[in-house]
Protein backbone atom coordinates (compact mmCIF):
# COMPACT_ATOMS: atom_id res chain seq x y z
CA UNK A 1 96.25 -4.80 -95.38
CA UNK A 2 97.09 -2.99 -91.57
CA UNK A 3 95.54 -2.67 -88.37
CA UNK A 4 94.89 1.36 -89.53
CA UNK A 5 92.89 0.02 -92.40
CA UNK A 6 90.18 -1.29 -89.92
CA UNK A 7 90.56 0.99 -87.34
CA UNK A 8 90.67 4.65 -89.13
CA UNK A 9 86.82 3.88 -90.92
CA UNK A 10 85.65 2.63 -87.57
CA UNK A 11 86.84 5.65 -85.71
CA UNK A 12 85.30 8.05 -88.00
CA UNK A 13 82.01 6.38 -87.65
CA UNK A 14 82.08 6.28 -84.16
CA UNK A 15 82.73 10.24 -84.39
CA UNK A 16 79.73 10.56 -87.04
CA UNK A 17 77.46 8.41 -85.05
CA UNK A 18 78.13 10.59 -81.86
CA UNK A 19 77.51 13.77 -83.78
CA UNK A 20 74.38 12.25 -85.25
CA UNK A 21 72.91 11.28 -81.54
CA UNK A 22 73.94 14.31 -80.16
CA UNK A 23 72.17 16.37 -82.92
CA UNK A 24 69.23 14.30 -83.12
CA UNK A 25 68.38 13.14 -79.56
CA UNK A 26 69.22 16.80 -78.37
CA UNK A 27 66.66 17.92 -80.81
CA UNK A 28 63.61 15.85 -80.05
CA UNK A 29 63.74 14.92 -76.37
CA UNK A 30 63.55 17.44 -73.57
CA UNK A 31 61.48 20.44 -75.38
CA UNK A 32 59.71 21.23 -72.25
CA UNK A 33 63.14 21.98 -70.62
CA UNK A 34 64.84 23.32 -73.36
CA UNK A 35 62.05 25.92 -74.03
CA UNK A 36 63.01 29.31 -73.94
CA UNK A 37 61.87 33.16 -75.50
CA UNK A 38 58.79 31.26 -77.04
CA UNK A 39 57.20 34.31 -78.51
CA UNK A 40 53.05 34.54 -77.31
CA UNK A 41 51.08 37.84 -77.59
CA UNK A 42 48.61 38.84 -74.77
CA UNK A 43 45.62 40.96 -75.86
CA UNK A 44 43.03 42.63 -72.96
CA UNK A 45 40.29 44.09 -74.80
CA UNK A 46 38.43 44.22 -71.65
CA UNK A 47 36.63 47.72 -71.23
CA UNK A 48 35.55 47.09 -67.51
CA UNK A 49 32.14 47.11 -65.95
CA UNK A 50 30.93 48.79 -62.75
CA UNK A 51 30.03 45.68 -59.98
CA UNK A 52 27.91 46.87 -56.91
CA UNK A 53 28.92 50.37 -57.48
CA UNK A 54 32.72 50.09 -57.95
CA UNK A 55 34.53 49.98 -61.12
CA UNK A 56 36.26 46.56 -62.20
CA UNK A 57 38.14 45.32 -64.84
CA UNK A 58 38.85 41.39 -64.41
CA UNK A 59 40.55 41.47 -67.97
CA UNK A 60 43.63 44.05 -66.46
CA UNK A 61 43.62 41.63 -63.28
CA UNK A 62 43.93 38.56 -65.34
CA UNK A 63 46.64 40.16 -67.95
CA UNK A 64 48.80 41.11 -64.66
CA UNK A 65 48.23 37.52 -63.15
CA UNK A 66 49.32 36.23 -66.57
CA UNK A 67 52.40 38.64 -66.67
CA UNK A 68 53.54 37.62 -63.09
CA UNK A 69 52.88 34.04 -63.51
CA UNK A 70 54.32 33.10 -66.73
CA UNK A 71 58.30 31.84 -66.53
CA UNK A 72 59.49 34.92 -68.30
CA UNK A 73 62.41 32.61 -69.00
CA UNK A 74 60.41 30.28 -71.31
CA UNK A 75 57.91 32.26 -72.41
CA UNK A 76 58.36 35.92 -74.34
CA UNK A 77 54.90 37.23 -73.33
CA UNK A 78 54.19 40.53 -75.30
CA UNK A 79 51.43 42.69 -74.00
CA UNK A 80 49.98 44.01 -77.19
CA UNK A 81 47.04 45.99 -78.65
CA UNK A 82 44.80 43.56 -80.92
CA UNK A 83 46.37 45.14 -84.21
CA UNK A 84 49.51 44.31 -83.14
CA UNK A 85 48.60 41.20 -82.49
CA UNK A 86 47.01 40.16 -85.83
CA UNK A 87 50.30 41.25 -87.44
CA UNK A 88 53.05 39.72 -85.37
CA UNK A 89 50.67 36.58 -85.76
CA UNK A 90 50.67 37.13 -89.81
CA UNK A 91 54.31 37.46 -90.18
CA UNK A 92 55.01 34.79 -87.90
CA UNK A 93 56.46 36.54 -84.92
CA UNK A 94 54.65 35.28 -82.32
CA UNK A 95 53.53 31.51 -81.95
CA UNK A 96 50.13 31.99 -80.78
CA UNK A 97 48.19 34.81 -79.00
CA UNK A 98 45.93 34.70 -75.86
CA UNK A 99 42.85 37.52 -76.37
CA UNK A 100 40.49 38.72 -73.83
CA UNK A 101 37.45 40.22 -75.09
CA UNK A 102 35.66 43.77 -74.57
CA UNK A 103 33.03 42.50 -72.56
CA UNK A 104 34.90 39.93 -70.15
CA UNK A 105 34.41 41.81 -66.96
CA UNK A 106 30.83 42.30 -68.04
CA UNK A 107 29.94 38.76 -68.98
CA UNK A 108 31.30 37.83 -65.72
CA UNK A 109 29.16 40.07 -63.48
CA UNK A 110 26.01 38.73 -65.80
CA UNK A 111 27.37 35.06 -64.51
CA UNK A 112 27.62 35.99 -60.83
CA UNK A 113 24.27 37.53 -60.71
CA UNK A 114 22.71 34.70 -62.59
CA UNK A 115 23.52 32.55 -59.62
CA UNK A 116 21.06 34.28 -57.76
CA UNK A 117 18.74 35.48 -60.69
CA UNK A 118 17.44 32.89 -63.08
CA UNK A 119 17.84 34.07 -66.43
CA UNK A 120 19.91 33.12 -69.66
CA UNK A 121 23.95 33.58 -69.34
CA UNK A 122 26.72 32.97 -71.26
CA UNK A 123 29.96 32.22 -69.59
CA UNK A 124 32.82 34.71 -70.11
CA UNK A 125 35.14 33.61 -73.15
CA UNK A 126 38.69 33.67 -73.57
CA UNK A 127 40.51 33.34 -77.20
CA UNK A 128 43.97 30.90 -77.49
CA UNK A 129 44.57 31.83 -81.36
CA UNK A 130 47.40 29.16 -82.25
CA UNK A 131 49.57 29.81 -85.84
CA UNK A 132 49.67 26.66 -87.52
CA UNK A 133 51.76 28.27 -90.12
CA UNK A 134 54.99 28.77 -88.46
CA UNK A 135 54.93 24.95 -87.73
CA UNK A 136 53.17 22.13 -86.82
CA UNK A 137 54.80 21.41 -82.84
CA UNK A 138 54.49 25.08 -81.80
CA UNK A 139 50.86 24.41 -81.85
CA UNK A 140 51.14 21.96 -79.31
CA UNK A 141 53.27 24.08 -77.20
CA UNK A 142 51.18 27.05 -77.49
CA UNK A 143 48.33 25.10 -76.27
CA UNK A 144 49.84 23.55 -73.29
CA UNK A 145 51.24 26.99 -72.23
CA UNK A 146 47.97 28.55 -72.26
CA UNK A 147 46.20 25.38 -70.88
CA UNK A 148 48.51 25.83 -67.73
CA UNK A 149 48.41 29.57 -67.46
CA UNK A 150 44.72 29.74 -68.00
CA UNK A 151 43.68 26.80 -65.51
CA UNK A 152 45.03 28.90 -62.71
CA UNK A 153 43.39 31.77 -63.75
CA UNK A 154 40.15 30.07 -64.14
CA UNK A 155 40.46 28.90 -60.51
CA UNK A 156 41.32 31.80 -59.27
CA UNK A 157 38.36 33.71 -60.79
CA UNK A 158 35.88 31.07 -60.02
CA UNK A 159 37.14 31.13 -56.39
CA UNK A 160 36.66 35.14 -56.28
CA UNK A 161 33.07 34.55 -58.03
CA UNK A 162 32.37 32.33 -55.69
CA UNK A 163 32.91 34.43 -52.74
CA UNK A 164 31.14 37.52 -53.97
CA UNK A 165 28.12 35.82 -54.59
CA UNK A 166 28.26 33.83 -50.98
CA UNK A 167 28.86 37.66 -49.87
CA UNK A 168 25.79 39.13 -51.58
CA UNK A 169 23.20 36.02 -50.45
CA UNK A 170 24.62 36.30 -47.01
CA UNK A 171 23.75 40.05 -46.88
CA UNK A 172 20.17 39.30 -47.20
CA UNK A 173 19.95 35.73 -45.53
CA UNK A 174 19.57 35.13 -41.69
CA UNK A 175 22.04 32.69 -41.80
CA UNK A 176 25.33 31.69 -43.81
CA UNK A 177 24.41 28.25 -44.76
CA UNK A 178 20.73 29.70 -46.06
CA UNK A 179 23.04 32.08 -48.56
CA UNK A 180 24.50 28.75 -49.33
CA UNK A 181 21.53 26.69 -49.83
CA UNK A 182 20.38 29.39 -52.33
CA UNK A 183 22.65 28.53 -54.84
CA UNK A 184 21.87 25.55 -57.16
CA UNK A 185 24.50 22.88 -57.85
CA UNK A 186 24.67 23.66 -61.53
CA UNK A 187 24.98 27.30 -60.73
CA UNK A 188 27.62 26.16 -58.12
CA UNK A 189 29.66 24.27 -60.89
CA UNK A 190 29.20 27.35 -63.29
CA UNK A 191 30.71 29.99 -60.96
CA UNK A 192 33.57 27.73 -59.75
CA UNK A 193 34.68 27.31 -63.65
CA UNK A 194 33.40 30.85 -65.03
CA UNK A 195 35.76 30.99 -68.05
CA UNK A 196 35.36 29.18 -71.24
CA UNK A 197 38.68 29.18 -73.36
CA UNK A 198 38.40 28.78 -76.78
CA UNK A 199 41.38 27.30 -79.03
CA UNK A 200 41.42 28.52 -82.65
CA UNK A 201 44.11 28.62 -85.47
CA UNK A 202 44.72 31.90 -86.64
CA UNK A 203 44.82 31.46 -90.71
CA UNK A 204 43.98 27.80 -91.06
CA UNK A 205 46.05 26.13 -93.49
CA UNK A 206 44.11 24.19 -96.15
CA UNK A 207 44.63 20.02 -96.27
CA UNK A 208 47.48 20.37 -98.87
CA UNK A 209 49.58 21.93 -96.59
CA UNK A 210 49.87 18.77 -94.54
CA UNK A 211 49.60 20.85 -91.17
CA UNK A 212 52.55 23.20 -92.14
CA UNK A 213 54.56 20.34 -93.13
CA UNK A 214 54.94 21.08 -96.81
CA UNK A 215 57.15 23.96 -96.17
CA UNK A 216 59.69 21.77 -94.31
CA UNK A 217 59.57 19.17 -97.12
CA UNK A 218 60.20 21.45 -99.89
CA UNK A 219 63.05 23.04 -98.16
CA UNK A 220 64.22 19.61 -97.95
CA UNK A 221 63.87 18.67 -101.71
CA UNK A 222 65.57 22.26 -102.46
CA UNK A 223 68.73 21.58 -100.34
CA UNK A 224 68.73 17.64 -101.90
CA UNK A 225 68.68 19.01 -104.90
CA UNK A 226 71.84 21.16 -104.48
CA UNK A 227 73.69 18.79 -102.19
CA UNK A 228 73.18 15.35 -104.25
CA UNK A 229 73.22 17.52 -107.74
CA UNK A 230 76.78 18.44 -106.50
CA UNK A 231 77.76 15.00 -105.45
CA UNK A 232 76.48 13.54 -108.78
CA UNK A 233 77.89 16.34 -110.89
CA UNK A 234 81.41 16.12 -109.49
CA UNK A 235 81.68 12.62 -109.97
CA UNK A 236 80.49 12.29 -113.32
CA UNK A 237 82.63 15.22 -114.72
CA UNK A 238 85.76 14.06 -112.94
CA UNK A 239 85.34 10.64 -114.72
CA UNK A 240 84.59 12.52 -118.21
CA UNK A 241 87.49 14.66 -117.46
CA UNK A 242 89.67 11.18 -117.00
CA UNK A 243 90.35 12.56 -113.31
CA UNK A 244 88.46 9.54 -111.68
CA UNK A 245 87.75 6.06 -112.85
CA UNK A 246 84.30 5.12 -113.25
CA UNK A 247 82.82 1.41 -112.91
CA UNK A 248 79.50 0.20 -114.52
CA UNK A 249 79.05 -3.26 -112.67
CA UNK A 250 82.15 -5.38 -113.48
CA UNK A 251 83.31 -2.91 -116.07
CA UNK A 252 86.02 -0.45 -115.33
CA UNK A 253 86.39 2.87 -117.63
CA UNK A 254 89.33 5.11 -116.93
CA UNK A 255 89.81 7.65 -119.97
CA UNK A 256 93.30 9.73 -119.47
CA UNK A 257 93.27 12.87 -117.72
CA UNK A 258 92.50 15.77 -119.73
CA UNK A 259 94.88 18.18 -117.92
CA UNK A 260 91.95 20.77 -117.31
CA UNK A 261 93.16 22.91 -114.69
CA UNK A 262 91.09 22.75 -110.83
CA UNK A 263 89.54 26.21 -111.53
CA UNK A 264 88.48 25.76 -114.96
CA UNK A 265 87.16 21.91 -113.87
CA UNK A 266 85.20 24.13 -110.94
CA UNK A 267 83.91 26.32 -113.22
CA UNK A 268 82.65 23.67 -115.54
CA UNK A 269 80.41 21.96 -112.49
CA UNK A 270 79.12 25.12 -111.73
CA UNK A 271 77.83 25.85 -114.91
CA UNK A 272 76.19 22.27 -114.92
CA UNK A 273 74.56 22.75 -111.52
CA UNK A 274 73.72 26.67 -112.78
CA UNK A 275 71.72 25.19 -115.84
CA UNK A 276 70.01 22.28 -113.82
CA UNK A 277 68.68 24.63 -110.84
CA UNK A 278 65.77 26.12 -113.07
CA UNK A 279 64.88 22.89 -114.60
CA UNK A 280 64.73 21.09 -110.96
CA UNK A 281 63.00 24.12 -109.33
CA UNK A 282 60.36 23.85 -112.01
CA UNK A 283 59.98 20.08 -111.59
CA UNK A 284 59.47 20.33 -107.92
CA UNK A 285 56.82 23.11 -108.42
CA UNK A 286 55.22 21.01 -111.52
CA UNK A 287 55.03 18.34 -109.09
CA UNK A 288 53.52 20.37 -106.30
CA UNK A 289 50.66 21.71 -108.82
CA UNK A 290 49.94 18.16 -109.74
CA UNK A 291 49.59 16.98 -105.90
CA UNK A 292 47.27 20.00 -105.26
CA UNK A 293 49.81 21.58 -103.13
CA UNK A 294 49.06 25.04 -102.27
CA UNK A 295 51.46 27.63 -104.01
CA UNK A 296 50.37 31.30 -103.88
CA UNK A 297 52.95 32.61 -105.53
CA UNK A 298 54.51 30.02 -108.02
CA UNK A 299 56.99 32.23 -109.85
CA UNK A 300 58.51 33.59 -106.64
CA UNK A 301 58.61 30.00 -105.23
CA UNK A 302 60.64 29.45 -108.60
CA UNK A 303 62.77 31.96 -109.01
CA UNK A 304 64.23 31.47 -104.92
CA UNK A 305 63.91 27.70 -105.57
CA UNK A 306 66.49 27.91 -108.55
CA UNK A 307 68.68 30.37 -106.34
CA UNK A 308 68.31 28.11 -103.18
CA UNK A 309 69.77 25.09 -105.52
CA UNK A 310 72.11 27.06 -106.96
CA UNK A 311 74.17 28.31 -103.76
CA UNK A 312 74.02 24.73 -102.21
CA UNK A 313 75.27 23.45 -105.17
CA UNK A 314 77.64 26.05 -105.67
CA UNK A 315 78.97 25.46 -101.85
CA UNK A 316 78.87 21.40 -101.85
CA UNK A 317 81.00 21.84 -105.16
CA UNK A 318 83.43 24.08 -103.73
CA UNK A 319 84.07 22.28 -100.61
CA UNK A 320 84.59 19.32 -102.82
CA UNK A 321 87.06 21.37 -104.69
CA UNK A 322 89.05 22.41 -101.50
CA UNK A 323 89.22 19.55 -99.48
CA UNK A 324 89.14 16.32 -101.81
CA UNK A 325 87.16 13.30 -100.60
CA UNK A 326 87.21 14.54 -97.20
CA UNK A 327 84.62 17.32 -98.74
CA UNK A 328 82.19 14.48 -99.06
CA UNK A 329 81.75 14.28 -95.17
CA UNK A 330 82.18 18.12 -94.50
CA UNK A 331 79.05 18.63 -96.81
CA UNK A 332 77.08 15.48 -94.96
CA UNK A 333 77.67 17.30 -91.83
CA UNK A 334 77.12 20.99 -93.04
CA UNK A 335 74.02 20.35 -95.13
CA UNK A 336 72.56 17.25 -93.40
CA UNK A 337 73.56 16.21 -89.97
CA UNK A 338 73.76 19.97 -88.63
CA UNK A 339 71.00 21.17 -90.58
CA UNK A 340 67.99 19.28 -89.83
CA UNK A 341 67.81 19.56 -86.18
CA UNK A 342 68.90 23.75 -86.55
CA UNK A 343 66.18 24.49 -89.30
CA UNK A 344 63.28 24.95 -87.12
CA UNK A 345 60.98 23.33 -89.72
CA UNK A 346 59.43 20.83 -87.08
CA UNK A 347 60.56 21.80 -83.27
CA UNK A 348 60.84 25.37 -83.25
CA UNK A 349 64.25 27.04 -82.34
CA UNK A 350 62.93 28.18 -79.01
CA UNK A 351 62.32 24.38 -78.00
CA UNK A 352 65.59 23.11 -78.62
CA UNK A 353 68.91 23.02 -77.13
CA UNK A 354 70.80 26.00 -77.24
CA UNK A 355 73.66 24.92 -78.96
CA UNK A 356 71.41 23.74 -81.71
CA UNK A 357 69.61 26.83 -82.07
CA UNK A 358 73.18 28.38 -82.25
CA UNK A 359 73.44 26.49 -85.79
CA UNK A 360 70.84 28.27 -87.37
CA UNK A 361 72.56 31.87 -87.37
CA UNK A 362 74.54 30.20 -90.03
CA UNK A 363 72.99 26.77 -91.25
CA UNK A 364 71.89 26.68 -95.03
CA UNK A 365 68.56 24.63 -94.42
CA UNK A 366 67.38 27.06 -91.51
CA UNK A 367 67.80 30.32 -94.18
CA UNK A 368 65.84 28.19 -96.80
CA UNK A 369 63.14 27.25 -94.81
CA UNK A 370 62.34 30.80 -93.21
CA UNK A 371 62.41 31.96 -97.36
CA UNK A 372 60.16 29.06 -98.35
CA UNK A 373 57.74 29.12 -95.32
CA UNK A 374 57.30 33.03 -95.87
CA UNK A 375 56.54 32.49 -99.67
CA UNK A 376 54.11 29.54 -99.05
CA UNK A 377 52.18 30.46 -95.94
CA UNK A 378 52.73 34.12 -95.30
CA UNK A 379 52.38 35.93 -98.61
CA UNK A 380 55.79 36.16 -99.44
CA UNK A 381 56.26 39.18 -96.87
CA UNK A 382 59.70 40.46 -96.20
CA UNK A 383 59.42 40.07 -92.61
CA UNK A 384 58.43 36.77 -92.25
CA UNK A 385 61.39 35.39 -93.06
CA UNK A 386 61.70 36.11 -96.82
CA UNK A 387 64.16 38.75 -96.67
CA UNK A 388 66.14 37.41 -94.03
CA UNK A 389 66.57 33.76 -95.94
CA UNK A 390 67.12 35.68 -99.27
CA UNK A 391 69.93 37.44 -98.23
CA UNK A 392 71.57 34.55 -96.19
CA UNK A 393 71.19 32.31 -99.18
CA UNK A 394 72.67 34.79 -101.33
CA UNK A 395 75.46 35.21 -98.83
CA UNK A 396 75.89 31.59 -98.92
CA UNK A 397 76.51 31.60 -102.28
CA UNK A 398 78.86 34.11 -102.36
CA UNK A 399 80.78 32.28 -99.65
CA UNK A 400 81.31 29.21 -101.87
CA UNK A 401 82.16 30.89 -104.80
CA UNK A 402 84.79 32.75 -103.09
CA UNK A 403 86.07 29.22 -101.51
CA UNK A 404 85.84 27.33 -104.33
CA UNK A 405 87.89 30.24 -106.79
CA UNK A 406 90.25 30.72 -103.66
CA UNK A 407 91.07 27.37 -103.09
CA UNK A 408 91.15 26.10 -106.89
CA UNK A 409 93.28 29.17 -108.11
CA UNK A 410 95.80 28.77 -104.94
CA UNK A 411 96.19 24.93 -106.35
CA UNK A 412 96.79 25.68 -109.70
CA UNK A 413 99.21 28.66 -109.04
CA UNK A 414 101.52 25.87 -106.79
CA UNK A 415 101.31 23.83 -109.51
CA UNK A 416 99.32 21.15 -107.86
CA UNK A 417 97.68 19.83 -110.83
CA UNK A 418 95.58 16.46 -110.66
CA UNK A 419 98.59 14.42 -112.62
CA UNK A 420 100.37 11.65 -111.51
CA UNK A 421 103.11 14.00 -110.87
CA UNK A 422 101.19 15.28 -107.46
CA UNK A 423 100.73 11.66 -106.35
CA UNK A 424 101.06 11.55 -102.43
CA UNK A 425 103.10 8.47 -101.20
CA UNK A 426 101.60 6.76 -98.43
CA UNK A 427 103.36 4.73 -95.37
CA UNK A 428 102.04 1.21 -96.64
CA UNK A 429 103.47 1.72 -100.29
CA UNK A 430 100.29 2.72 -101.97
CA UNK A 431 100.42 5.85 -103.98
CA UNK A 432 96.56 7.18 -104.59
CA UNK A 433 96.19 9.91 -107.10
CA UNK A 434 95.91 13.28 -105.87
CA UNK A 435 92.44 14.98 -106.01
């Protein structure tokens, strides 16, 4: 026993803990501060109205005010038509939409007139569509953005409407005070707060979708099937081939090494995970059906799930073949520690620190999540993330195959077989078997 026996694992755990804290605490905290480029559609359908002989379009004024008032560095406010807004909501390209209806100015004019002349009246409405299919946390962010922006709009419109009503009444009143007295208390409240904001989810999800969390957890089980499956297969195959011992409680089994090359060993492991992947994907699909989880395209989900498990499993096995025992830590960091925060499955990338958002460009979990979410919630549409997720999964599989093949073939050609002849001595005299 040496000092290094204690300090090496403690130092490794300290670095691992720091990485965990940086990723997960940074991911979950300060979403308002980290908000950037949050995509929101703004639609003005208002056709305007003639008020007092003058054409007016309050909807256009509100649109200009929102564009000027919403922080451009935090919110990507896209002024589009209603058809474009619906298309972008359908494909998850925007996380919400603010809709100003065609009769907005007309209703506002009627509301102002009703403060003087009694009659039935309806407040002008602005609809805020959230997009729950993108992710559960995006709904709350969208509602907060819309609430802050429209609260100021409502106050400004109410102030202008109140001044307009007072001016109209003052024109026919002997004294300004008399004009104010002609407005009832209820009418004053109505014109001071004239805009009714309606929150409405666009294409709401069924209860079985878990408010959008089903896509995240389905992604997680696919990734874990490939990641943990690779760990299990790696250990069991190495044990069967005699490269590592196996313990069953107090019993110890270590058959003689078969002498199989590193590359052929990796091919055997790939074959096992490849054979298991369609079965595992089918099990997940069957459990989803048993639990009444809505799956609109089961065949597509089964096929993609099989591909995702193979891609993750092949890559994880290649990392183990290339780096040996250290590959366990590499796989853990690559697939889990860095993968969960950058997946965008709960908190969107637009609300996390930039260093986490940057990981989503290559992290496997994010690519799998985009494809799974598109299949479950967006009819498997390519532009909703399925195309990107599919090609990135194939790219990851290619990288994994190339890494594993190159590393094991290179080791074999250099004569670095997994035999006692390649044991590496260490300073304390213990000679671990080369892996």
